[in-house]
Amino acid sequence: MTALAPSPAAAKGRASGGSSSGSGSSGSRGATGRAIGRAVGRSLLNAVVTLLIVLAMWQSVVSFLGVSPYVAKGPVDVYKFLFVDEPGAAAGQLAADNRAAMRPLTVQTLQDAGLGFAVGMSIAVVLAILFSLSRTVEAGIMPLALLLRSVPLVSISPVIILITGRGSTASVAVIGSIVVLFPALASALFGLSRASKESLDLIRVYGGSNATALRKVALPGALPSLFAAARVSVPGAVTGALLAEWLSTGQGIGGSIQKFSTAAQFDDLWASVAIITAITLVLYNLVQLAENVVLARMGMSQSAG
């Protein structure tokens, strides 16, 4: 018995179907690539606009408030201090020397800010997950988080430093994480609470547990809010690092700003503020760029964050 050969029409149909499937996949990849390109372009444009606004406001404040040029330094003054050698500058006053003096301070502050960000964000995400799984845990821990948020950090910092030790890494981690914790926790809880009820019901119908529903539905759906929490936490982590350095360690930019002001080293003072502001803007926009790229790849609306 001989097998029947496929008809030319059927073969043509299969060929056209395979071709359309391949073109559909290619078109989907192309659409994703275009979405990512738009996300990157939007992030870069936002970064440039933000930088221009900050520079314009800075120069306006210095120019129109009538502060003595000896005390108030504008963007051009800071640029010259860091990158332009003045004619006849004495040894130790060259731009390269100025940058060399600022580098270890900046690195220390970045390390302290990174520590506070990592600890605060980790605790916030873990607490948000626990609160989503158990209302009892939320009822027991949330008042403590609200207390930490309502009490001024400067007033409880002496207690924190007394417990953890002055100048210790633990004091930096605790102070930085407190600044980061509550905004990140609130945003993460908001994102987890917006999970699709239909998808959650579907998981439960098929016998899935609350942990499974959280892993497969709630957490992916909360990505915009988690990225928003990270964006908000970046400036908070830097602020917490500066506060911890000022009150506890005496290192980094936070520990040096008071010394610069006392010694009338206003060029160093303004350069420190400019450097930490620029770094904060860069880190914020990097998080925003990562958010736009990830959400574009997942096909999620970025307005959800």
Protein backbone atom coordinates (compact mmCIF):
# COMPACT_ATOMS: atom_id res chain seq x y z
CA MET A 1 0.00 0.00 0.00
CA THR A 2 1.51 3.26 -1.07
CA ALA A 3 1.37 6.44 0.98
CA LEU A 4 -0.46 9.32 -0.52
CA ALA A 5 1.78 12.25 -1.41
CA PRO A 6 0.64 15.60 -0.10
CA SER A 7 -1.10 17.74 -2.62
CA PRO A 8 0.72 20.82 -3.95
CA ALA A 9 -1.90 23.04 -2.35
CA ALA A 10 -1.38 21.48 1.08
CA ALA A 11 2.37 21.74 0.78
CA LYS A 12 2.02 25.37 -0.25
CA GLY A 13 -0.28 26.02 2.71
CA ARG A 14 2.16 24.51 5.16
CA ALA A 15 4.99 26.49 3.67
CA SER A 16 3.05 29.73 3.87
CA GLY A 17 1.99 28.92 7.44
CA GLY A 18 5.57 28.32 8.52
CA SER A 19 6.66 31.50 6.80
CA SER A 20 3.97 33.55 8.51
CA SER A 21 4.91 32.04 11.87
CA GLY A 22 8.54 32.97 11.35
CA SER A 23 7.64 36.47 10.22
CA GLY A 24 5.33 36.83 13.23
CA SER A 25 8.14 35.88 15.61
CA SER A 26 10.51 38.24 13.82
CA GLY A 27 7.92 41.00 13.98
CA SER A 28 7.44 40.42 17.71
CA ARG A 29 11.19 40.66 18.30
CA GLY A 30 11.31 43.81 16.19
CA ALA A 31 8.47 45.39 18.17
CA THR A 32 10.22 44.53 21.44
CA GLY A 33 13.46 46.03 20.14
CA ARG A 34 11.69 49.22 19.11
CA ALA A 35 10.00 49.43 22.52
CA ILE A 36 13.35 49.03 24.26
CA GLY A 37 14.90 51.66 21.98
CA ARG A 38 12.12 54.10 22.84
CA ALA A 39 12.54 53.32 26.54
CA VAL A 40 16.29 53.99 26.39
CA GLY A 41 15.76 57.20 24.45
CA ARG A 42 13.14 58.40 26.90
CA SER A 43 15.41 57.68 29.86
CA LEU A 44 18.33 59.55 28.28
CA LEU A 45 16.11 62.50 27.44
CA ASN A 46 14.79 62.63 31.00
CA ALA A 47 18.34 62.55 32.35
CA VAL A 48 19.48 65.42 30.12
CA VAL A 49 16.42 67.54 30.94
CA THR A 50 16.86 66.93 34.67
CA LEU A 51 20.53 67.88 34.52
CA LEU A 52 19.80 71.10 32.63
CA ILE A 53 17.07 72.07 35.11
CA VAL A 54 19.37 71.45 38.10
CA LEU A 55 22.19 73.50 36.56
CA ALA A 56 19.81 76.34 35.67
CA MET A 57 18.33 76.44 39.18
CA TRP A 58 21.78 76.31 40.77
CA GLN A 59 23.11 79.17 38.68
CA SER A 60 19.93 81.20 39.25
CA VAL A 61 20.19 80.86 43.02
CA VAL A 62 23.86 81.87 43.01
CA SER A 63 23.31 84.80 40.64
CA PHE A 64 20.13 86.38 41.97
CA LEU A 65 20.34 85.94 45.75
CA GLY A 66 23.30 88.28 46.04
CA VAL A 67 25.48 85.87 48.02
CA SER A 68 29.18 86.71 48.06
CA PRO A 69 31.12 84.91 45.29
CA TYR A 70 33.64 83.95 47.96
CA VAL A 71 30.98 81.79 49.63
CA ALA A 72 28.62 80.82 46.80
CA LYS A 73 30.08 78.87 43.88
CA GLY A 74 28.25 78.27 40.63
CA PRO A 75 28.49 75.37 38.17
CA VAL A 76 31.30 77.08 36.24
CA ASP A 77 33.31 77.61 39.43
CA VAL A 78 32.98 73.95 40.40
CA TYR A 79 33.93 72.85 36.89
CA LYS A 80 37.07 74.98 37.02
CA PHE A 81 37.91 73.67 40.48
CA LEU A 82 37.74 70.06 39.30
CA PHE A 83 38.93 70.23 35.70
CA VAL A 84 40.77 73.50 34.93
CA ASP A 85 44.21 74.44 36.27
CA GLU A 86 44.33 78.10 37.22
CA PRO A 87 47.41 80.03 36.02
CA GLY A 88 50.03 80.17 38.74
CA ALA A 89 48.26 77.62 40.93
CA ALA A 90 50.40 76.45 43.83
CA ALA A 91 51.33 72.84 44.42
CA GLY A 92 48.36 70.89 45.75
CA GLN A 93 45.85 73.28 44.17
CA LEU A 94 45.76 71.81 40.68
CA ALA A 95 42.53 70.34 39.31
CA ALA A 96 44.03 66.84 39.36
CA ASP A 97 44.88 67.27 43.04
CA ASN A 98 41.34 68.47 43.74
CA ARG A 99 39.88 65.44 42.03
CA ALA A 100 42.28 63.15 43.86
CA ALA A 101 41.17 64.64 47.18
CA MET A 102 37.48 64.14 46.33
CA ARG A 103 37.80 60.59 45.00
CA PRO A 104 38.13 58.66 48.31
CA LEU A 105 35.34 60.71 49.88
CA THR A 106 33.04 59.92 46.98
CA VAL A 107 33.91 56.22 46.97
CA GLN A 108 33.23 55.97 50.71
CA THR A 109 29.85 57.69 50.40
CA LEU A 110 28.89 55.43 47.48
CA GLN A 111 29.77 52.36 49.53
CA ASP A 112 27.73 53.60 52.48
CA ALA A 113 24.78 54.48 50.24
CA GLY A 114 24.95 51.09 48.53
CA LEU A 115 24.92 49.33 51.88
CA GLY A 116 21.89 51.26 53.11
CA PHE A 117 20.08 50.75 49.79
CA ALA A 118 20.70 46.99 49.72
CA VAL A 119 19.70 46.42 53.34
CA GLY A 120 16.66 48.73 53.23
CA MET A 121 15.31 47.39 49.91
CA SER A 122 15.84 43.77 50.95
CA ILE A 123 14.00 44.26 54.24
CA ALA A 124 11.20 46.16 52.49
CA VAL A 125 10.63 43.43 49.87
CA VAL A 126 10.76 40.63 52.45
CA LEU A 127 8.32 42.46 54.74
CA ALA A 128 5.97 43.20 51.83
CA ILE A 129 5.92 39.50 50.92
CA LEU A 130 5.31 38.47 54.53
CA PHE A 131 2.52 41.03 54.88
CA SER A 132 0.90 39.68 51.72
CA LEU A 133 1.01 36.12 53.05
CA SER A 134 -0.06 36.87 56.63
CA ARG A 135 -2.23 39.65 58.00
CA THR A 136 -1.07 38.74 61.50
CA VAL A 137 2.54 39.53 60.62
CA GLU A 138 1.44 42.82 59.08
CA ALA A 139 -0.54 43.78 62.18
CA GLY A 140 2.47 43.08 64.37
CA ILE A 141 5.24 44.74 62.35
CA MET A 142 3.57 47.62 60.50
CA PRO A 143 3.17 49.80 63.64
CA LEU A 144 6.92 49.54 64.20
CA ALA A 145 7.59 50.64 60.62
CA LEU A 146 5.21 53.57 61.06
CA LEU A 147 6.98 54.50 64.29
CA LEU A 148 10.36 54.54 62.56
CA ARG A 149 8.86 56.74 59.86
CA SER A 150 7.20 59.22 62.22
CA VAL A 151 10.11 59.77 64.63
CA PRO A 152 12.80 62.13 63.25
CA LEU A 153 15.88 60.07 62.44
CA VAL A 154 18.22 62.68 63.91
CA SER A 155 16.57 62.25 67.30
CA ILE A 156 17.00 58.46 67.42
CA SER A 157 20.41 58.37 65.75
CA PRO A 158 22.26 58.77 69.09
CA VAL A 159 20.50 55.64 70.35
CA ILE A 160 21.36 53.75 67.17
CA ILE A 161 25.00 54.84 67.40
CA LEU A 162 25.13 53.91 71.10
CA ILE A 163 23.88 50.40 70.32
CA THR A 164 25.87 49.73 67.15
CA GLY A 165 29.00 51.70 68.03
CA ARG A 166 30.26 55.02 66.74
CA GLY A 167 31.97 54.77 63.38
CA SER A 168 30.82 51.20 62.79
CA THR A 169 29.50 49.78 59.54
CA ALA A 170 26.42 48.60 61.42
CA SER A 171 25.43 52.18 62.26
CA VAL A 172 25.69 53.14 58.60
CA ALA A 173 23.56 50.14 57.58
CA VAL A 174 20.89 50.82 60.19
CA ILE A 175 20.57 54.57 59.54
CA GLY A 176 20.62 54.14 55.77
CA SER A 177 18.12 51.29 55.77
CA ILE A 178 15.66 53.24 57.96
CA VAL A 179 15.63 56.08 55.43
CA VAL A 180 15.02 53.60 52.60
CA LEU A 181 12.67 51.18 54.34
CA PHE A 182 9.29 52.84 54.62
CA PRO A 183 8.93 54.38 51.12
CA ALA A 184 10.10 51.12 49.56
CA LEU A 185 7.78 49.06 51.78
CA ALA A 186 4.76 51.22 50.94
CA SER A 187 5.44 51.00 47.21
CA ALA A 188 6.06 47.23 47.29
CA LEU A 189 2.84 46.64 49.25
CA PHE A 190 0.92 48.76 46.77
CA GLY A 191 2.27 46.73 43.86
CA LEU A 192 1.52 43.36 45.48
CA SER A 193 -2.03 44.45 46.33
CA ARG A 194 -2.79 45.19 42.66
CA ALA A 195 -2.41 41.58 41.51
CA SER A 196 -5.12 40.38 39.12
CA LYS A 197 -7.94 38.74 41.10
CA GLU A 198 -8.84 36.51 38.15
CA SER A 199 -5.28 35.21 37.87
CA LEU A 200 -5.10 34.59 41.61
CA ASP A 201 -8.40 32.69 41.51
CA LEU A 202 -7.12 30.60 38.61
CA ILE A 203 -4.03 29.59 40.59
CA ARG A 204 -6.20 28.56 43.54
CA VAL A 205 -8.66 26.63 41.34
CA TYR A 206 -5.78 24.47 40.14
CA GLY A 207 -4.68 23.83 43.71
CA GLY A 208 -1.92 26.41 43.98
CA SER A 209 -0.97 27.80 47.36
CA ASN A 210 -0.74 31.44 48.36
CA ALA A 211 3.03 31.25 47.89
CA THR A 212 2.54 29.98 44.34
CA ALA A 213 0.08 32.76 43.57
CA LEU A 214 2.54 35.26 44.97
CA ARG A 215 5.43 33.90 42.91
CA LYS A 216 3.58 33.48 39.61
CA VAL A 217 1.15 36.40 39.68
CA ALA A 218 1.70 39.00 42.40
CA LEU A 219 5.47 39.47 42.15
CA PRO A 220 5.64 39.77 38.34
CA GLY A 221 2.70 42.16 38.40
CA ALA A 222 4.37 44.23 41.12
CA LEU A 223 7.53 44.87 39.08
CA PRO A 224 6.54 48.46 38.15
CA SER A 225 5.99 49.31 41.81
CA LEU A 226 9.21 47.56 42.86
CA PHE A 227 11.16 49.61 40.32
CA ALA A 228 9.41 52.74 41.57
CA ALA A 229 10.48 51.79 45.09
CA ALA A 230 14.07 51.42 43.90
CA ARG A 231 13.98 54.83 42.20
CA VAL A 232 12.66 56.50 45.33
CA SER A 233 15.17 54.65 47.49
CA VAL A 234 18.26 55.81 45.58
CA PRO A 235 18.12 59.44 46.83
CA GLY A 236 17.03 58.17 50.23
CA ALA A 237 20.04 55.87 50.44
CA VAL A 238 22.40 58.72 49.60
CA THR A 239 20.74 60.94 52.21
CA GLY A 240 21.01 58.18 54.80
CA ALA A 241 24.69 57.67 53.99
CA LEU A 242 25.43 61.38 54.38
CA LEU A 243 23.55 61.47 57.67
CA ALA A 244 25.36 58.40 59.01
CA GLU A 245 28.73 59.83 57.99
CA TRP A 246 27.94 63.15 59.62
CA LEU A 247 26.65 61.70 62.89
CA SER A 248 28.66 58.49 63.26
CA THR A 249 31.66 57.72 61.07
CA GLY A 250 33.02 61.16 60.16
CA GLN A 251 34.08 59.72 56.80
CA GLY A 252 33.01 60.29 53.21
CA ILE A 253 31.38 63.42 51.89
CA GLY A 254 28.93 63.59 54.79
CA GLY A 255 31.74 63.69 57.31
CA SER A 256 33.77 66.23 55.34
CA ILE A 257 31.11 68.83 54.53
CA GLN A 258 31.16 70.27 58.06
CA LYS A 259 34.96 70.35 58.01
CA PHE A 260 34.97 72.20 54.68
CA SER A 261 32.49 74.75 55.99
CA THR A 262 34.39 75.33 59.22
CA ALA A 263 37.71 75.76 57.38
CA ALA A 264 36.13 78.10 54.79
CA GLN A 265 37.04 75.65 51.99
CA PHE A 266 34.03 76.67 49.95
CA ASP A 267 35.35 75.31 46.66
CA ASP A 268 35.67 71.86 48.23
CA LEU A 269 32.27 72.25 49.87
CA TRP A 270 30.43 73.10 46.67
CA ALA A 271 32.34 70.49 44.70
CA SER A 272 31.29 67.86 47.23
CA VAL A 273 27.64 68.85 46.96
CA ALA A 274 27.85 68.91 43.15
CA ILE A 275 29.49 65.49 42.98
CA ILE A 276 27.00 63.80 45.26
CA THR A 277 24.07 65.45 43.44
CA ALA A 278 25.40 64.33 40.07
CA ILE A 279 25.92 60.78 41.32
CA THR A 280 22.40 60.67 42.73
CA LEU A 281 20.93 61.82 39.40
CA VAL A 282 22.99 59.25 37.51
CA LEU A 283 21.97 56.39 39.80
CA TYR A 284 18.31 57.43 39.69
CA ASN A 285 18.30 57.50 35.90
CA LEU A 286 20.14 54.17 35.69
CA VAL A 287 17.38 52.57 37.76
CA GLN A 288 14.79 54.24 35.55
CA LEU A 289 16.59 52.98 32.45
CA ALA A 290 16.61 49.43 33.81
CA GLU A 291 12.92 49.78 34.64
CA ASN A 292 12.01 50.96 31.14
CA VAL A 293 14.01 48.19 29.46
CA VAL A 294 12.66 45.37 31.67
CA LEU A 295 9.05 46.51 31.41
CA ALA A 296 9.37 46.98 27.66
CA ARG A 297 10.70 43.43 27.27
CA MET A 298 7.82 42.11 29.37
CA GLY A 299 5.25 44.18 27.50
CA MET A 300 4.05 45.86 30.67
CA SER A 301 2.67 49.38 30.86
CA GLN A 302 5.24 51.68 32.48
CA SER A 303 2.53 53.96 33.79
CA ALA A 304 1.70 51.24 36.29
CA GLY A 305 4.74 52.17 38.31
